């Protein structure tokens, strides 16, 4: 997900460290463990010290070196830059300058380095959404070969890759790992638990709609609940049954590339991404070569499911959200639910959790417990079991081939330090962006879970595997992602019909893919556009080959609404 949103606007600052002395050793490590980690680790003290000793020994050849790394503006990364980077420097003797900038700026920097070969940063925490880009352009060191080769001597034997919950997102079709997850968060359903469990509201809803007020399983129920609350006044305040944003702005693009279409049922079955058609509506062939985005080439970006998805967004924004939301960006809309007048939101990022539980907020009880909860997102009329159900951001460490070997090795040490078992529990308590299964299951989070509105329960459940980042069908994320906000913005503003906007979007995506194909810059894994046929032809082709997309238009796009009691839902979740 393209963030930089927690500070509202792009923010840039550099953490300059104290001068490194020659005494970088276990004394510094023990001081760090005493003051910062304490018992917030899945490792016992002896294992923590053993891991720190490995970092000290592995870093010896790089002592006195200064390295530069960069990440987007998130609480997790600010903690790394302000606390973990100075600690690493004192422990290892490697001076780290960790820049924290807007996510768009991170993409721009990594794109510039890939295009020019100039080493701007020694490592990037870069969204796994670029996995298809990295794999196809081959500008990134794949970590599988790196850890067995040039990076072997600086790869932590206690790294435990199997403990990371997001490596499927950062693995290419060739089976190689290209990025190491550093932080993850999902977009889920958010709702006012206190209102949904209020006996008067429950009785009134059932009388009006004939079923129980609860967590909506499908978009039909979400729409009913939105209508129900939008006409209400609670404690003297006008209430709205939906929250979103609609300004024609780059943030509107990730509102949709972050899996809104898949929530509606766009694309094919498949975890972490649909194959052969993904949640962007891009189809690949049996060799994973992108062959189209428009329905005419077997894609689904402008198919019935996509049109339904965007139409519902537009209708709900206009009818059930605060009027000002239509002119808001992501950063402006983000804080609104915490102000206490929103009943539910279908598209809400868990990165806002820490800001949503601050004492004194209208959505927080006097005892500090939340009045709200988060739950799995409802799905649209075209959705089928086996499809992904939402988006999960996975900011991940990325090493470019243009970075000199020794600098990449030193940066890899730092990347492993900030994701290590020694520090991960504490870091996760600060940022609430889980990357390790062991951390999720740590007793400290069992204790904290009631204050986090369902976040821990979600990440401990088997449901979380249906929330995934952009996959490998997207051949050039930076070039294609910018097309979305421009075209979706036309639909949101009413400048174009939804169909016309999505027709324009898929055509623009195919234009970029055609340029890549002609330039042959991605070799035999780059785009190779297919011949054109109509929707019925491609749907028949999909059925014949055991897939779904593109689906034909449904006669009924509002099936029977379904809800589930939140507490029953939580009790039913099973651990993976």
Protein backbone atom coordinates (compact mmCIF):
# COMPACT_ATOMS: atom_id res chain seq x y z
CA UNK A 1 0.00 0.00 0.00
CA UNK A 2 1.26 3.44 -0.85
CA UNK A 3 1.34 5.18 2.46
CA UNK A 4 3.19 8.03 4.01
CA UNK A 5 -0.29 8.55 5.45
CA UNK A 6 0.30 8.45 9.19
CA UNK A 7 1.82 11.93 9.08
CA UNK A 8 -0.69 13.26 6.58
CA UNK A 9 1.85 14.45 4.00
CA UNK A 10 5.20 13.24 2.76
CA UNK A 11 7.71 13.56 5.58
CA UNK A 12 11.46 13.33 5.33
CA UNK A 13 14.01 13.32 8.07
CA UNK A 14 17.39 11.75 8.65
CA UNK A 15 18.51 10.11 11.85
CA UNK A 16 22.14 11.03 12.44
CA UNK A 17 23.86 8.75 14.88
CA UNK A 18 26.38 9.45 17.58
CA UNK A 19 29.99 8.92 16.51
CA UNK A 20 30.91 5.25 16.42
CA UNK A 21 33.67 4.21 18.75
CA UNK A 22 35.91 1.18 18.66
CA UNK A 23 34.12 -0.30 21.68
CA UNK A 24 31.21 -1.74 19.71
CA UNK A 25 30.77 -5.05 21.55
CA UNK A 26 28.59 -7.10 23.89
CA UNK A 27 28.61 -4.35 26.51
CA UNK A 28 26.57 -2.18 24.14
CA UNK A 29 24.38 -5.15 23.27
CA UNK A 30 23.61 -5.94 26.90
CA UNK A 31 22.76 -2.33 27.59
CA UNK A 32 20.34 -2.38 24.65
CA UNK A 33 18.74 -5.61 25.85
CA UNK A 34 18.39 -4.24 29.38
CA UNK A 35 16.90 -0.88 28.49
CA UNK A 36 14.91 -1.56 25.32
CA UNK A 37 14.01 -5.24 25.06
CA UNK A 38 13.76 -6.61 28.58
CA UNK A 39 11.33 -9.56 28.44
CA UNK A 40 9.59 -8.41 25.23
CA UNK A 41 11.15 -11.04 23.01
CA UNK A 42 10.38 -14.59 21.95
CA UNK A 43 13.99 -15.46 22.83
CA UNK A 44 15.25 -15.95 26.36
CA UNK A 45 18.09 -13.73 27.53
CA UNK A 46 20.79 -16.26 26.70
CA UNK A 47 19.55 -16.62 23.12
CA UNK A 48 19.19 -12.85 22.78
CA UNK A 49 22.84 -12.45 23.74
CA UNK A 50 23.84 -15.24 21.38
CA UNK A 51 22.07 -13.49 18.51
CA UNK A 52 23.70 -10.16 19.41
CA UNK A 53 27.13 -11.85 19.54
CA UNK A 54 26.56 -13.19 16.04
CA UNK A 55 25.81 -9.67 14.77
CA UNK A 56 28.96 -8.35 16.47
CA UNK A 57 31.15 -11.04 14.88
CA UNK A 58 29.54 -10.83 11.42
CA UNK A 59 29.84 -7.04 11.40
CA UNK A 60 33.55 -6.95 12.25
CA UNK A 61 34.73 -6.62 8.60
CA UNK A 62 32.44 -3.58 8.16
CA UNK A 63 33.26 -1.65 11.36
CA UNK A 64 33.43 2.09 10.70
CA UNK A 65 31.42 1.85 7.47
CA UNK A 66 28.49 4.23 6.96
CA UNK A 67 25.43 2.87 5.16
CA UNK A 68 22.22 4.54 3.99
CA UNK A 69 18.80 2.84 3.99
CA UNK A 70 15.29 4.18 3.42
CA UNK A 71 11.69 3.38 4.27
CA UNK A 72 8.27 5.00 4.16
CA UNK A 73 6.67 7.05 6.94
CA UNK A 74 5.18 4.55 9.35
CA UNK A 75 5.42 4.33 13.14
CA UNK A 76 7.28 1.05 12.75
CA UNK A 77 9.96 2.60 10.56
CA UNK A 78 10.30 5.69 12.74
CA UNK A 79 11.01 3.35 15.65
CA UNK A 80 13.64 1.58 13.58
CA UNK A 81 15.25 4.86 12.55
CA UNK A 82 15.16 6.51 15.96
CA UNK A 83 15.82 3.54 18.26
CA UNK A 84 17.00 0.40 16.48
CA UNK A 85 19.43 2.05 14.06
CA UNK A 86 21.42 3.80 16.83
CA UNK A 87 21.45 0.58 18.85
CA UNK A 88 22.69 -1.44 15.89
CA UNK A 89 25.43 1.10 15.28
CA UNK A 90 26.67 0.96 18.86
CA UNK A 91 26.57 -2.83 18.89
CA UNK A 92 28.22 -3.46 15.51
CA UNK A 93 30.29 -0.38 14.68
CA UNK A 94 28.40 0.08 11.38
CA UNK A 95 26.97 3.60 11.18
CA UNK A 96 23.42 3.49 9.82
CA UNK A 97 21.63 6.52 8.39
CA UNK A 98 18.00 5.43 8.12
CA UNK A 99 15.89 7.91 6.12
CA UNK A 100 12.11 7.92 6.58
CA UNK A 101 10.25 9.53 3.66
CA UNK A 102 6.90 9.37 1.89
CA UNK A 103 6.09 6.05 0.22
CA UNK A 104 5.82 7.67 -3.19
CA UNK A 105 9.31 9.05 -2.72
CA UNK A 106 10.60 5.58 -1.84
CA UNK A 107 9.18 4.22 -5.11
CA UNK A 108 10.70 7.12 -7.03
CA UNK A 109 14.15 6.56 -5.49
CA UNK A 110 14.18 2.82 -6.14
CA UNK A 111 12.89 3.34 -9.67
CA UNK A 112 15.65 5.89 -10.34
CA UNK A 113 18.31 3.55 -9.01
CA UNK A 114 17.00 0.69 -11.13
CA UNK A 115 16.98 2.85 -14.25
CA UNK A 116 20.32 4.61 -13.78
CA UNK A 117 22.38 2.05 -11.88
CA UNK A 118 23.45 4.81 -9.50
CA UNK A 119 23.54 3.62 -5.88
CA UNK A 120 21.19 5.99 -4.04
CA UNK A 121 20.49 3.76 -1.03
CA UNK A 122 22.17 0.58 0.14
CA UNK A 123 18.82 -1.06 0.96
CA UNK A 124 15.15 -0.20 0.65
CA UNK A 125 12.10 -1.18 2.65
CA UNK A 126 9.98 -1.40 -0.46
CA UNK A 127 6.42 -2.73 -0.75
CA UNK A 128 6.15 -6.30 -1.96
CA UNK A 129 3.65 -4.91 -4.49
CA UNK A 130 6.71 -4.52 -6.72
CA UNK A 131 7.49 -8.26 -6.71
CA UNK A 132 6.47 -8.64 -10.36
CA UNK A 133 8.58 -5.63 -11.29
CA UNK A 134 11.63 -6.88 -9.42
CA UNK A 135 11.37 -10.38 -10.83
CA UNK A 136 10.87 -9.32 -14.44
CA UNK A 137 13.44 -6.51 -14.63
CA UNK A 138 16.03 -8.54 -12.69
CA UNK A 139 17.50 -5.48 -10.98
CA UNK A 140 17.15 -6.96 -7.50
CA UNK A 141 19.33 -9.49 -5.72
CA UNK A 142 17.10 -12.50 -5.12
CA UNK A 143 17.64 -13.41 -1.50
CA UNK A 144 17.56 -17.16 -2.03
CA UNK A 145 20.75 -17.05 -4.09
CA UNK A 146 22.14 -14.20 -2.00
CA UNK A 147 21.91 -16.13 1.27
CA UNK A 148 23.62 -19.11 -0.33
CA UNK A 149 26.29 -17.03 -2.06
CA UNK A 150 27.57 -13.48 -1.55
CA UNK A 151 25.40 -12.97 1.51
CA UNK A 152 26.06 -16.31 3.20
CA UNK A 153 28.63 -15.05 5.69
CA UNK A 154 26.31 -12.23 6.76
CA UNK A 155 23.08 -14.26 6.98
CA UNK A 156 21.92 -14.83 10.55
CA UNK A 157 21.66 -18.56 11.39
CA UNK A 158 18.79 -17.59 13.74
CA UNK A 159 16.87 -15.72 10.99
CA UNK A 160 14.26 -18.52 10.70
CA UNK A 161 12.55 -17.65 7.42
CA UNK A 162 9.73 -20.11 8.14
CA UNK A 163 8.68 -17.88 11.04
CA UNK A 164 7.89 -14.98 8.68
CA UNK A 165 4.21 -14.89 7.71
CA UNK A 166 4.64 -12.95 4.46
CA UNK A 167 7.33 -14.68 2.42
CA UNK A 168 4.74 -16.03 -0.03
CA UNK A 169 4.17 -12.39 -1.01
CA UNK A 170 7.84 -11.82 -1.78
CA UNK A 171 8.52 -15.03 -3.68
CA UNK A 172 8.46 -14.98 -7.50
CA UNK A 173 7.11 -17.73 -9.78
CA UNK A 174 10.66 -19.04 -10.10
CA UNK A 175 10.54 -19.99 -6.41
CA UNK A 176 13.14 -17.44 -5.37
CA UNK A 177 12.68 -15.08 -2.41
CA UNK A 178 13.25 -11.47 -3.51
CA UNK A 179 12.40 -9.44 -0.41
CA UNK A 180 12.39 -9.90 3.37
CA UNK A 181 9.20 -8.64 5.13
CA UNK A 182 9.76 -5.89 7.70
CA UNK A 183 6.18 -4.80 8.48
CA UNK A 184 2.69 -5.90 7.50
CA UNK A 185 -0.81 -4.57 7.95
CA UNK A 186 -4.16 -5.35 6.38
CA UNK A 187 -7.24 -3.47 5.25
CA UNK A 188 -10.21 -4.90 7.15
CA UNK A 189 -13.79 -4.10 8.09
CA UNK A 190 -14.17 -1.63 10.99
CA UNK A 191 -17.38 -1.08 12.94
CA UNK A 192 -18.85 0.34 16.15
CA UNK A 193 -19.24 -2.74 18.30
CA UNK A 194 -21.14 -0.76 20.95
CA UNK A 195 -23.81 0.30 18.45
CA UNK A 196 -24.03 -3.11 16.76
CA UNK A 197 -24.68 -4.77 20.13
CA UNK A 198 -27.14 -2.14 21.37
CA UNK A 199 -30.49 -3.92 22.01
CA UNK A 200 -32.57 -1.07 20.57
CA UNK A 201 -30.56 -0.86 17.37
CA UNK A 202 -30.58 -4.63 16.98
CA UNK A 203 -34.36 -4.80 17.39
CA UNK A 204 -34.96 -1.90 15.01
CA UNK A 205 -32.66 -3.35 12.36
CA UNK A 206 -34.27 -6.77 12.50
CA UNK A 207 -37.74 -5.26 12.25
CA UNK A 208 -36.72 -3.20 9.23
CA UNK A 209 -34.60 -5.76 7.33
CA UNK A 210 -35.69 -9.13 8.68
CA UNK A 211 -32.27 -10.38 9.80
CA UNK A 212 -29.81 -9.76 12.62
CA UNK A 213 -27.57 -6.71 12.81
CA UNK A 214 -24.00 -8.00 12.84
CA UNK A 215 -20.74 -8.13 10.94
CA UNK A 216 -21.71 -8.13 7.24
CA UNK A 217 -20.54 -11.22 5.38
CA UNK A 218 -21.46 -9.77 2.00
CA UNK A 219 -21.89 -6.37 0.38
CA UNK A 220 -25.67 -6.73 0.39
CA UNK A 221 -25.66 -6.62 4.19
CA UNK A 222 -23.06 -3.85 4.27
CA UNK A 223 -25.33 -1.70 2.12
CA UNK A 224 -28.35 -2.36 4.33
CA UNK A 225 -26.37 -1.46 7.46
CA UNK A 226 -25.09 1.70 5.77
CA UNK A 227 -28.66 2.78 5.02
CA UNK A 228 -29.81 1.92 8.54
CA UNK A 229 -27.25 4.07 10.35
CA UNK A 230 -27.05 6.99 7.91
CA UNK A 231 -30.52 8.24 8.86
CA UNK A 232 -29.75 8.19 12.60
CA UNK A 233 -28.67 10.78 15.15
CA UNK A 234 -26.80 9.48 18.19
CA UNK A 235 -26.00 11.70 21.18
CA UNK A 236 -26.97 14.70 19.10
CA UNK A 237 -24.62 13.84 16.21
CA UNK A 238 -25.52 12.93 12.64
CA UNK A 239 -24.29 9.39 11.96
CA UNK A 240 -23.04 7.93 8.68
CA UNK A 241 -23.08 4.27 7.70
CA UNK A 242 -19.96 4.36 5.52
CA UNK A 243 -16.62 6.17 5.31
CA UNK A 244 -14.42 6.57 2.26
CA UNK A 245 -12.73 9.25 0.19
CA UNK A 246 -13.03 10.38 -3.42
CA UNK A 247 -10.66 13.19 -4.36
CA UNK A 248 -8.82 12.70 -7.65
CA UNK A 249 -5.45 12.22 -6.03
CA UNK A 250 -2.70 9.55 -6.11
CA UNK A 251 -4.09 8.09 -2.87
CA UNK A 252 -7.29 7.19 -4.75
CA UNK A 253 -5.26 4.75 -6.84
CA UNK A 254 -4.19 2.49 -3.99
CA UNK A 255 -7.75 2.63 -2.67
CA UNK A 256 -8.47 0.31 -5.61
CA UNK A 257 -5.21 -1.50 -6.39
CA UNK A 258 -5.22 -2.52 -2.73
CA UNK A 259 -7.67 -5.26 -3.66
CA UNK A 260 -11.07 -3.53 -3.76
CA UNK A 261 -11.86 -5.29 -7.02
CA UNK A 262 -11.00 -8.70 -5.57
CA UNK A 263 -13.31 -8.04 -2.62
CA UNK A 264 -16.09 -7.67 -5.18
CA UNK A 265 -15.12 -10.89 -6.96
CA UNK A 266 -12.90 -9.62 -9.76
CA UNK A 267 -10.23 -12.00 -11.07
CA UNK A 268 -9.72 -15.68 -10.35
CA UNK A 269 -9.36 -17.95 -7.37
CA UNK A 270 -5.89 -18.31 -5.90
CA UNK A 271 -3.86 -17.39 -2.83
CA UNK A 272 -1.92 -15.14 -2.57
CA UNK A 273 -3.24 -13.87 -5.92
CA UNK A 274 -5.69 -15.06 -8.54
CA UNK A 275 -4.36 -17.00 -11.50
CA UNK A 276 -4.49 -16.59 -14.40
CA UNK A 277 -6.31 -13.28 -13.72
CA UNK A 278 -5.31 -11.27 -10.65
CA UNK A 279 -7.09 -8.60 -8.61
CA UNK A 280 -5.88 -5.86 -10.97
CA UNK A 281 -7.68 -7.69 -13.77
CA UNK A 282 -4.41 -8.59 -15.51
CA UNK A 283 -4.28 -12.00 -17.19
CA UNK A 284 -1.08 -14.03 -17.57
CA UNK A 285 -0.47 -17.08 -19.74
CA UNK A 286 0.93 -20.44 -18.64
CA UNK A 287 4.44 -18.91 -18.63
CA UNK A 288 3.34 -16.05 -16.35
CA UNK A 289 3.58 -13.53 -19.18
CA UNK A 290 0.96 -10.73 -18.92
CA UNK A 291 -1.30 -10.96 -21.96
CA UNK A 292 -4.06 -8.44 -21.26
CA UNK A 293 -6.01 -6.20 -18.90
CA UNK A 294 -9.19 -5.51 -20.90
CA UNK A 295 -11.90 -8.13 -21.26
CA UNK A 296 -11.12 -8.24 -24.98
CA UNK A 297 -7.77 -9.88 -24.15
CA UNK A 298 -9.07 -12.06 -21.35
CA UNK A 299 -8.47 -9.53 -18.57
CA UNK A 300 -11.01 -8.32 -16.03
CA UNK A 301 -10.16 -4.67 -15.31
CA UNK A 302 -13.28 -3.56 -17.19
CA UNK A 303 -15.37 -6.70 -16.72
CA UNK A 304 -18.75 -6.92 -14.96
CA UNK A 305 -17.19 -7.64 -11.55
CA UNK A 306 -14.95 -4.57 -11.78
CA UNK A 307 -17.80 -2.34 -12.91
CA UNK A 308 -19.90 -3.60 -10.01
CA UNK A 309 -17.02 -2.96 -7.57
CA UNK A 310 -16.46 0.64 -8.60
CA UNK A 311 -20.20 1.37 -8.92
CA UNK A 312 -20.78 0.26 -5.32
CA UNK A 313 -17.89 2.42 -4.15
CA UNK A 314 -19.33 5.49 -5.91
CA UNK A 315 -22.89 4.85 -4.69
CA UNK A 316 -21.86 4.26 -1.06
CA UNK A 317 -19.55 7.28 -1.03
CA UNK A 318 -22.32 9.59 -2.27
CA UNK A 319 -25.22 8.14 -0.29
CA UNK A 320 -23.84 6.98 3.06
CA UNK A 321 -20.58 8.84 3.79
CA UNK A 322 -20.18 12.41 5.09
CA UNK A 323 -20.55 14.85 2.16
CA UNK A 324 -17.02 16.15 2.72
CA UNK A 325 -15.61 12.66 2.06
CA UNK A 326 -16.04 13.09 -1.68
CA UNK A 327 -13.37 15.77 -1.64
CA UNK A 328 -10.99 14.04 0.78
CA UNK A 329 -7.70 12.24 0.22
CA UNK A 330 -6.67 9.12 2.11
CA UNK A 331 -4.77 11.10 4.72
CA UNK A 332 -7.71 13.42 5.34
CA UNK A 333 -10.26 10.61 5.58
CA UNK A 334 -8.19 8.34 7.81
CA UNK A 335 -8.83 10.06 11.17
CA UNK A 336 -12.60 10.53 10.62
CA UNK A 337 -13.87 7.22 12.11
CA UNK A 338 -12.07 8.02 15.37
CA UNK A 339 -14.17 11.18 15.70
CA UNK A 340 -17.19 9.08 16.60
CA UNK A 341 -19.80 9.60 13.86
CA UNK A 342 -19.06 6.61 11.58
CA UNK A 343 -20.85 3.28 12.07
CA UNK A 344 -18.73 1.11 9.79
CA UNK A 345 -16.04 1.19 7.13
CA UNK A 346 -15.41 -1.62 4.64
CA UNK A 347 -11.91 -0.45 3.72
CA UNK A 348 -9.91 0.37 6.88
CA UNK A 349 -6.19 -0.15 7.43
CA UNK A 350 -5.02 -1.83 10.62
CA UNK A 351 -2.03 0.55 10.62
CA UNK A 352 -4.48 3.02 12.19
CA UNK A 353 -4.98 0.75 15.22
CA UNK A 354 -2.56 2.57 17.51
CA UNK A 355 -4.20 5.92 16.71
CA UNK A 356 -7.68 4.46 17.26
CA UNK A 357 -7.07 3.38 20.88
CA UNK A 358 -5.76 6.66 22.29
CA UNK A 359 -7.39 7.66 25.61
CA UNK A 360 -10.01 10.35 25.34
CA UNK A 361 -11.20 9.57 21.84
CA UNK A 362 -14.98 9.31 21.30
CA UNK A 363 -14.43 5.70 20.18
CA UNK A 364 -12.61 4.66 23.37
CA UNK A 365 -14.29 3.75 26.66
CA UNK A 366 -13.23 5.34 29.96
CA UNK A 367 -11.36 2.17 30.91
CA UNK A 368 -9.31 2.39 27.72
CA UNK A 369 -11.08 -0.41 25.87
CA UNK A 370 -12.23 0.27 22.29
CA UNK A 371 -15.88 0.85 21.42
CA UNK A 372 -15.09 -0.53 17.96
CA UNK A 373 -13.84 -3.79 16.49
CA UNK A 374 -12.21 -4.95 13.27
CA UNK A 375 -13.34 -8.03 11.36
CA UNK A 376 -12.88 -9.71 7.97
CA UNK A 377 -14.11 -7.62 5.07
CA UNK A 378 -17.46 -8.41 3.44
CA UNK A 379 -17.33 -9.71 -0.12
CA UNK A 380 -19.24 -8.72 -3.24
CA UNK A 381 -21.70 -10.58 -5.43
CA UNK A 382 -19.04 -11.95 -7.82
CA UNK A 383 -16.79 -13.35 -5.08
CA UNK A 384 -16.18 -17.11 -4.77
CA UNK A 385 -14.58 -19.26 -2.08
CA UNK A 386 -10.88 -19.54 -2.80
CA UNK A 387 -10.42 -15.90 -3.81
CA UNK A 388 -8.40 -13.37 -1.87
CA UNK A 389 -10.60 -11.08 0.19
CA UNK A 390 -8.50 -7.99 0.75
CA UNK A 391 -5.11 -6.38 0.83
CA UNK A 392 -2.15 -6.76 3.14
CA UNK A 393 0.76 -4.37 2.93
CA UNK A 394 4.17 -5.99 3.24
CA UNK A 395 6.98 -3.45 3.35
CA UNK A 396 10.04 -5.58 2.70
CA UNK A 397 13.82 -5.26 2.61
CA UNK A 398 15.08 -5.07 -0.96
CA UNK A 399 18.71 -5.18 -2.16
CA UNK A 400 19.40 -3.84 -5.65
CA UNK A 401 22.15 -5.30 -7.80
CA UNK A 402 23.53 -1.81 -8.38
CA UNK A 403 24.53 -1.54 -4.71
CA UNK A 404 28.24 -2.41 -4.21
CA UNK A 405 28.67 -5.82 -2.61
CA UNK A 406 30.20 -4.72 0.69
CA UNK A 407 27.55 -2.04 1.21
CA UNK A 408 24.78 -4.55 0.44
CA UNK A 409 26.28 -7.00 2.95
CA UNK A 410 26.39 -4.38 5.70
CA UNK A 411 22.83 -3.27 4.91
CA UNK A 412 21.65 -6.88 5.00
CA UNK A 413 23.01 -7.15 8.54
CA UNK A 414 20.91 -4.16 9.59
CA UNK A 415 17.83 -5.54 7.82
CA UNK A 416 18.13 -8.77 9.78
CA UNK A 417 18.72 -6.92 13.05
CA UNK A 418 15.45 -4.96 12.84
CA UNK A 419 13.51 -8.12 11.91
CA UNK A 420 15.28 -10.43 14.35
CA UNK A 421 13.51 -12.48 17.00
CA UNK A 422 15.39 -10.51 19.64
CA UNK A 423 13.71 -7.22 18.72
CA UNK A 424 10.55 -8.16 16.82
CA UNK A 425 8.12 -8.43 19.74
CA UNK A 426 9.06 -5.00 21.06
CA UNK A 427 8.95 -3.48 17.57
CA UNK A 428 5.54 -5.03 16.99
CA UNK A 429 4.19 -3.55 20.21
CA UNK A 430 5.28 -0.13 18.98
CA UNK A 431 4.04 -0.34 15.38
CA UNK A 432 1.46 -3.19 15.48
CA UNK A 433 2.66 -4.43 12.07
CA UNK A 434 3.26 -8.17 12.52
CA UNK A 435 5.74 -10.16 10.42
CA UNK A 436 6.53 -13.23 12.56
CA UNK A 437 4.25 -16.04 13.69
CA UNK A 438 6.19 -16.39 16.94
CA UNK A 439 5.54 -12.73 17.73
CA UNK A 440 1.83 -12.99 16.99
CA UNK A 441 1.55 -15.91 19.39
CA UNK A 442 3.62 -14.26 22.13
CA UNK A 443 1.95 -14.11 25.54
CA UNK A 444 2.39 -10.34 25.68
CA UNK A 445 -0.05 -9.99 22.79
CA UNK A 446 -2.52 -12.33 24.44
CA UNK A 447 -2.56 -9.86 27.32
CA UNK A 448 -2.85 -6.82 25.07
CA UNK A 449 -5.41 -8.28 22.61
CA UNK A 450 -8.58 -6.94 24.34
CA UNK A 451 -7.34 -3.38 23.84
CA UNK A 452 -6.66 -3.81 20.11
CA UNK A 453 -10.16 -4.45 18.80
CA UNK A 454 -9.61 -7.82 17.10
CA UNK A 455 -6.19 -7.19 15.53
CA UNK A 456 -4.47 -10.01 17.39
CA UNK A 457 -7.35 -12.41 16.83
CA UNK A 458 -7.28 -11.70 13.09
CA UNK A 459 -3.55 -12.31 12.79
CA UNK A 460 -3.81 -15.49 14.83
CA UNK A 461 -6.58 -16.84 12.61
CA UNK A 462 -6.44 -18.84 9.41
CA UNK A 463 -8.51 -16.07 7.79
CA UNK A 464 -5.48 -13.79 7.39
CA UNK A 465 -4.11 -15.73 4.41
CA UNK A 466 -6.89 -14.24 2.24
CA UNK A 467 -5.42 -10.74 2.67
CA UNK A 468 -2.46 -10.37 0.34
CA UNK A 469 -0.46 -7.68 -1.52
CA UNK A 470 -0.30 -7.10 -5.25
CA UNK A 471 1.18 -10.14 -7.00
CA UNK A 472 3.46 -11.02 -9.87
CA UNK A 473 0.93 -10.47 -12.69
CA UNK A 474 1.74 -6.74 -12.55
CA UNK A 475 4.82 -6.32 -14.76
CA UNK A 476 5.73 -2.73 -13.86
CA UNK A 477 4.08 -1.48 -10.70
CA UNK A 478 5.33 2.15 -10.77
CA UNK A 479 4.13 2.71 -14.33
CA UNK A 480 0.79 0.94 -14.00
CA UNK A 481 -0.20 2.09 -10.50
CA UNK A 482 -0.25 5.75 -11.48
CA UNK A 483 -2.92 5.04 -14.10
CA UNK A 484 -5.51 4.00 -11.51
CA UNK A 485 -6.15 7.23 -9.64
CA UNK A 486 -6.48 9.24 -12.82
CA UNK A 487 -9.13 6.93 -14.28
CA UNK A 488 -10.95 6.00 -11.05
CA UNK A 489 -11.03 9.72 -10.29
CA UNK A 490 -13.11 10.28 -13.42
CA UNK A 491 -15.67 7.76 -12.16
CA UNK A 492 -15.63 9.16 -8.62
CA UNK A 493 -16.20 12.74 -9.82
CA UNK A 494 -18.83 11.77 -12.37
CA UNK A 495 -16.73 12.99 -15.28
CA UNK A 496 -17.11 9.55 -16.84
CA UNK A 497 -19.39 6.60 -16.33
CA UNK A 498 -17.84 3.74 -14.40
CA UNK A 499 -17.73 1.62 -17.55
CA UNK A 500 -16.01 4.37 -19.56
CA UNK A 501 -13.47 4.96 -16.78
CA UNK A 502 -12.56 1.29 -16.48
CA UNK A 503 -12.41 0.90 -20.27
CA UNK A 504 -9.92 3.76 -20.29
CA UNK A 505 -7.93 2.25 -17.42
CA UNK A 506 -7.52 -1.19 -18.97
CA UNK A 507 -6.58 0.35 -22.32
CA UNK A 508 -3.93 2.49 -20.62
CA UNK A 509 -2.51 -0.56 -18.82
CA UNK A 510 -2.29 -2.47 -22.09
CA UNK A 511 -0.56 0.49 -23.74
CA UNK A 512 2.19 0.33 -21.11
CA UNK A 513 2.45 -3.45 -21.45
CA UNK A 514 2.69 -3.11 -25.23
CA UNK A 515 5.62 -0.71 -24.85
CA UNK A 516 7.39 -3.14 -22.54
CA UNK A 517 6.73 -5.96 -25.01
CA UNK A 518 8.17 -3.99 -27.91
CA UNK A 519 11.23 -2.90 -25.94
CA UNK A 520 11.90 -6.54 -24.89
CA UNK A 521 13.31 -5.27 -21.59
CA UNK A 522 11.76 -8.12 -19.60
CA UNK A 523 12.78 -10.93 -21.92
CA UNK A 524 10.69 -14.07 -22.09
CA UNK A 525 8.77 -13.26 -18.88
CA UNK A 526 7.57 -9.85 -20.07
CA UNK A 527 4.15 -8.99 -21.56
CA UNK A 528 2.93 -10.62 -24.75
CA UNK A 529 -0.53 -9.29 -25.54
CA UNK A 530 -3.17 -11.78 -26.65
CA UNK A 531 -5.56 -11.67 -29.58
CA UNK A 532 -8.90 -9.96 -28.94
CA UNK A 533 -12.26 -11.70 -28.46
CA UNK A 534 -15.52 -10.71 -26.77
CA UNK A 535 -16.57 -11.34 -23.16
CA UNK A 536 -18.56 -14.48 -23.94
CA UNK A 537 -15.59 -16.02 -25.74
CA UNK A 538 -13.19 -15.36 -22.87
CA UNK A 539 -15.70 -16.50 -20.27
CA UNK A 540 -16.19 -19.77 -22.15
CA UNK A 541 -12.39 -20.10 -22.37
CA UNK A 542 -12.11 -19.59 -18.62
CA UNK A 543 -14.78 -22.20 -17.86
CA UNK A 544 -13.16 -24.68 -20.23
CA UNK A 545 -9.84 -24.23 -18.41
CA UNK A 546 -11.30 -24.44 -14.90
CA UNK A 547 -11.09 -20.76 -13.99
CA UNK A 548 -13.56 -17.89 -13.51
CA UNK A 549 -12.49 -14.58 -14.99
CA UNK A 550 -13.82 -12.71 -16.74
CA UNK A 551 -17.28 -13.54 -15.36
CA UNK A 552 -20.50 -12.67 -17.17
CA UNK A 553 -22.75 -10.02 -15.67
CA UNK A 554 -24.99 -11.41 -12.95
CA UNK A 555 -28.75 -11.03 -13.22
CA UNK A 556 -28.85 -10.26 -9.50
CA UNK A 557 -25.99 -8.22 -8.05
CA UNK A 558 -27.59 -8.03 -4.62
CA UNK A 559 -27.89 -11.58 -3.30
CA UNK A 560 -29.46 -12.39 0.07
CA UNK A 561 -27.72 -10.35 2.77
CA UNK A 562 -25.76 -12.23 5.43
CA UNK A 563 -24.37 -11.15 8.79
CA UNK A 564 -22.63 -12.92 11.64
CA UNK A 565 -22.36 -12.08 15.34
CA UNK A 566 -18.86 -10.72 16.00
CA UNK A 567 -18.21 -12.79 19.13
CA UNK A 568 -19.38 -15.94 17.34
CA UNK A 569 -17.07 -15.12 14.45
CA UNK A 570 -14.03 -14.67 16.71
CA UNK A 571 -14.79 -17.93 18.52
CA UNK A 572 -14.97 -19.77 15.19
CA UNK A 573 -11.53 -18.71 13.96
CA UNK A 574 -8.93 -21.43 13.93
CA UNK A 575 -5.20 -20.96 14.22
CA UNK A 576 -3.22 -21.63 11.02
